[in-house]
N, C-alpha and C. Protein backbone atom coordinates (compact mmCIF):
# COMPACT_ATOMS: atom_id res chain seq x y z
N UNK A 1 -24.44 45.66 -11.85
CA UNK A 1 -25.79 44.76 -11.19
C UNK A 1 -25.00 44.35 -10.08
N UNK A 2 -26.16 44.19 -8.96
CA UNK A 2 -25.74 44.12 -7.93
C UNK A 2 -25.05 42.34 -7.51
N UNK A 3 -24.19 42.03 -6.87
CA UNK A 3 -23.82 40.86 -6.51
C UNK A 3 -24.68 40.00 -5.81
N UNK A 4 -24.73 38.62 -6.03
CA UNK A 4 -25.89 37.74 -4.85
C UNK A 4 -25.20 37.80 -3.41
N UNK A 5 -26.37 37.68 -2.62
CA UNK A 5 -26.11 37.70 -0.96
C UNK A 5 -25.05 36.19 -1.24
N UNK A 6 -24.53 36.27 0.04
CA UNK A 6 -23.40 35.09 0.27
C UNK A 6 -24.26 33.92 0.23
N UNK A 7 -23.78 33.03 -0.10
CA UNK A 7 -24.31 31.83 -0.40
C UNK A 7 -25.19 31.48 -1.60
N UNK A 8 -25.29 32.31 -2.54
CA UNK A 8 -26.15 32.33 -3.41
C UNK A 8 -25.57 32.42 -4.70
N UNK A 9 -25.76 31.77 -5.67
CA UNK A 9 -24.95 31.92 -7.10
C UNK A 9 -26.04 31.75 -8.16
N UNK A 10 -26.23 32.45 -9.15
CA UNK A 10 -26.68 31.64 -10.60
C UNK A 10 -25.87 31.79 -11.63
N UNK A 11 -25.87 30.81 -12.27
CA UNK A 11 -25.25 30.67 -13.42
C UNK A 11 -25.95 29.77 -14.80
N UNK A 12 -25.11 29.40 -15.69
CA UNK A 12 -25.56 28.98 -17.03
C UNK A 12 -24.94 27.72 -17.31
N UNK A 13 -25.40 26.87 -17.94
CA UNK A 13 -24.34 25.47 -18.16
C UNK A 13 -25.21 25.25 -19.92
N UNK A 14 -24.27 25.66 -20.81
CA UNK A 14 -24.45 24.64 -21.93
C UNK A 14 -24.30 23.23 -22.16
N UNK A 15 -25.54 22.44 -22.76
CA UNK A 15 -25.61 20.99 -23.20
C UNK A 15 -25.04 20.48 -23.99
N UNK A 16 -23.39 20.12 -24.03
CA UNK A 16 -22.61 19.83 -25.49
C UNK A 16 -23.56 18.60 -25.80
N UNK A 17 -22.48 18.06 -27.04
CA UNK A 17 -23.64 17.08 -28.04
C UNK A 17 -23.60 15.87 -27.43
N UNK A 18 -22.86 15.37 -26.55
CA UNK A 18 -23.01 14.10 -25.57
C UNK A 18 -23.79 14.30 -24.32
N UNK A 19 -24.60 15.68 -24.29
CA UNK A 19 -25.62 15.40 -23.29
C UNK A 19 -24.76 16.01 -22.15
N UNK A 20 -23.57 16.13 -22.12
CA UNK A 20 -22.51 16.85 -20.86
C UNK A 20 -22.75 18.54 -20.54
N UNK A 21 -22.90 18.72 -19.67
CA UNK A 21 -22.81 19.83 -18.99
C UNK A 21 -21.44 20.19 -17.83
N UNK A 22 -21.08 21.05 -18.02
CA UNK A 22 -19.93 22.06 -17.16
C UNK A 22 -20.31 22.66 -16.22
N UNK A 23 -20.66 22.56 -15.05
CA UNK A 23 -21.05 23.04 -13.97
C UNK A 23 -20.09 24.51 -13.45
N UNK A 24 -20.34 25.81 -13.46
CA UNK A 24 -19.58 26.92 -13.12
C UNK A 24 -18.47 26.47 -11.91
N UNK A 25 -17.33 27.05 -12.36
CA UNK A 25 -16.32 26.72 -11.29
C UNK A 25 -16.72 27.29 -9.71
N UNK A 26 -17.06 28.70 -9.91
CA UNK A 26 -17.78 28.99 -8.67
C UNK A 26 -18.59 28.30 -7.94
N UNK A 27 -19.29 27.76 -8.73
CA UNK A 27 -20.34 27.00 -7.88
C UNK A 27 -19.79 25.45 -7.61
N UNK A 28 -18.88 24.89 -8.03
CA UNK A 28 -18.15 23.73 -7.78
C UNK A 28 -17.36 24.01 -6.77
N UNK A 29 -16.71 25.23 -6.63
CA UNK A 29 -15.73 25.52 -5.30
C UNK A 29 -16.82 25.47 -4.29
N UNK A 30 -17.89 26.40 -4.21
CA UNK A 30 -19.21 26.42 -3.22
C UNK A 30 -19.55 25.24 -2.73
N UNK A 31 -19.55 24.25 -3.42
CA UNK A 31 -19.61 22.83 -2.73
C UNK A 31 -18.74 21.56 -2.82
N UNK A 32 -17.61 22.27 -2.89
CA UNK A 32 -16.68 21.29 -2.68
C UNK A 32 -16.75 20.18 -4.19
N UNK A 33 -17.39 20.73 -5.11
CA UNK A 33 -17.33 19.49 -6.02
C UNK A 33 -15.66 19.22 -7.11
N UNK A 34 -15.16 18.32 -7.04
CA UNK A 34 -14.02 17.99 -7.49
C UNK A 34 -14.11 17.18 -8.98
N UNK A 35 -13.00 16.79 -9.83
CA UNK A 35 -13.49 16.10 -10.68
C UNK A 35 -13.27 14.43 -10.01
N UNK A 36 -14.76 13.51 -10.43
CA UNK A 36 -14.48 12.35 -9.76
C UNK A 36 -15.76 11.57 -8.91
N UNK A 37 -16.26 13.09 -8.41
CA UNK A 37 -17.01 13.18 -7.62
C UNK A 37 -18.58 12.69 -8.47
N UNK A 38 -19.42 11.93 -7.82
CA UNK A 38 -20.76 11.27 -8.00
C UNK A 38 -21.70 12.30 -7.77
N UNK A 39 -22.44 12.79 -8.51
CA UNK A 39 -23.44 13.52 -8.28
C UNK A 39 -25.04 12.86 -8.23
N UNK A 40 -25.76 13.06 -7.65
CA UNK A 40 -27.03 12.62 -8.05
C UNK A 40 -27.92 13.99 -8.34
N UNK A 41 -28.78 13.30 -9.56
CA UNK A 41 -29.79 14.50 -10.15
C UNK A 41 -31.19 13.68 -10.26
N UNK A 42 -31.89 14.71 -9.52
CA UNK A 42 -33.43 14.35 -9.25
C UNK A 42 -34.07 15.35 -10.24
N UNK A 43 -35.03 14.90 -11.22
CA UNK A 43 -35.89 15.61 -11.81
C UNK A 43 -37.21 15.38 -11.48
N UNK A 44 -37.93 16.42 -11.82
CA UNK A 44 -39.49 16.40 -11.58
C UNK A 44 -39.83 17.52 -12.74
N UNK A 45 -41.01 16.89 -13.92
CA UNK A 45 -41.25 17.59 -14.38
C UNK A 45 -41.88 18.74 -14.44
N UNK A 46 -42.50 19.36 -13.34
CA UNK A 46 -42.50 20.51 -12.98
C UNK A 46 -41.92 21.54 -12.59
N UNK A 47 -41.00 20.68 -11.82
CA UNK A 47 -39.82 21.60 -10.92
C UNK A 47 -38.33 21.65 -11.67
N UNK A 48 -38.32 20.86 -12.49
CA UNK A 48 -36.82 21.14 -12.93
C UNK A 48 -36.07 19.83 -12.51
N UNK A 49 -34.67 20.09 -12.49
CA UNK A 49 -33.48 19.40 -12.13
C UNK A 49 -33.01 19.76 -10.70
N UNK A 50 -32.65 19.05 -10.27
CA UNK A 50 -31.76 19.11 -9.18
C UNK A 50 -30.37 18.25 -9.03
N UNK A 51 -29.51 18.97 -8.56
CA UNK A 51 -27.85 18.20 -8.84
C UNK A 51 -27.91 18.07 -7.26
N UNK A 52 -27.42 17.44 -6.48
CA UNK A 52 -27.02 17.00 -5.23
C UNK A 52 -25.48 16.22 -5.07
N UNK A 53 -24.64 16.47 -4.34
CA UNK A 53 -23.89 15.73 -3.89
C UNK A 53 -23.98 14.10 -3.59
N UNK A 54 -23.68 13.48 -4.57
CA UNK A 54 -24.00 11.85 -3.47
C UNK A 54 -23.70 11.62 -2.09
N UNK A 55 -22.39 11.88 -1.74
CA UNK A 55 -22.28 11.61 -0.29
C UNK A 55 -23.28 12.10 0.52
N UNK A 56 -23.62 13.82 0.05
CA UNK A 56 -24.35 14.17 1.08
C UNK A 56 -25.96 13.61 1.02
N UNK A 57 -26.35 13.17 0.13
CA UNK A 57 -27.69 12.62 -0.01
C UNK A 57 -27.75 11.30 0.68
N UNK A 58 -26.49 10.44 0.66
CA UNK A 58 -25.97 9.20 1.55
C UNK A 58 -26.49 9.53 2.93
N UNK A 59 -25.56 10.83 3.38
CA UNK A 59 -25.63 11.07 4.63
C UNK A 59 -26.72 11.32 5.33
N UNK A 60 -27.54 12.00 4.51
CA UNK A 60 -28.88 12.45 4.81
C UNK A 60 -30.09 11.04 4.83
N UNK A 61 -30.00 10.57 3.98
CA UNK A 61 -30.65 8.89 3.98
C UNK A 61 -30.19 8.22 5.42
N UNK A 62 -28.40 8.15 5.34
CA UNK A 62 -28.85 7.28 6.78
C UNK A 62 -29.36 7.86 7.94
N UNK A 63 -29.22 9.17 7.83
CA UNK A 63 -29.66 9.82 9.33
C UNK A 63 -31.48 9.47 9.49
N UNK A 64 -32.00 9.94 8.28
CA UNK A 64 -33.30 9.58 8.34
C UNK A 64 -33.61 8.18 8.60
N UNK A 65 -32.93 6.85 8.43
CA UNK A 65 -33.18 5.75 8.44
C UNK A 65 -32.63 5.69 10.09
N UNK A 66 -31.70 6.04 10.55
CA UNK A 66 -31.27 5.58 12.02
C UNK A 66 -31.98 6.56 12.86
N UNK A 67 -32.66 7.71 12.37
CA UNK A 67 -33.99 7.68 13.22
C UNK A 67 -35.27 7.56 13.07
N UNK A 68 -35.52 6.62 12.06
CA UNK A 68 -36.65 5.70 11.89
C UNK A 68 -36.42 4.28 13.22
N UNK A 69 -35.20 4.05 12.51
CA UNK A 69 -34.74 2.77 13.89
C UNK A 69 -35.02 3.32 15.12
N UNK A 70 -34.43 4.32 15.70
CA UNK A 70 -34.35 4.56 16.90
C UNK A 70 -36.06 4.60 17.37
N UNK A 71 -36.59 5.32 16.52
CA UNK A 71 -38.07 5.66 17.06
C UNK A 71 -38.75 3.94 17.09
N UNK A 72 -38.62 3.13 16.34
CA UNK A 72 -38.98 1.88 16.48
C UNK A 72 -38.55 0.93 17.51
N UNK A 73 -37.13 1.43 17.82
CA UNK A 73 -36.90 0.45 19.15
C UNK A 73 -37.28 1.06 20.34
N UNK A 74 -38.04 2.32 20.33
CA UNK A 74 -38.52 3.02 21.48
C UNK A 74 -39.83 2.92 21.63
N UNK A 75 -40.53 2.00 20.53
CA UNK A 75 -41.80 1.36 20.75
C UNK A 75 -41.71 0.20 21.64
């Protein structure tokens, strides 16, 4: 089997009795996810579930809000 290209991974995770999943180690390492990190889960009935590091999402949201504020200040 051909290895995935750099920056791409595929894996599986079983759902335990309490609804918990374990993110594969290679994926945790790729994204710097460590015990205690908060992850944001986004769900769409048609597209599935996306998992994001919460601090990455907060940074993105702050960037968007700052850009909107700057645009309003220019008006």
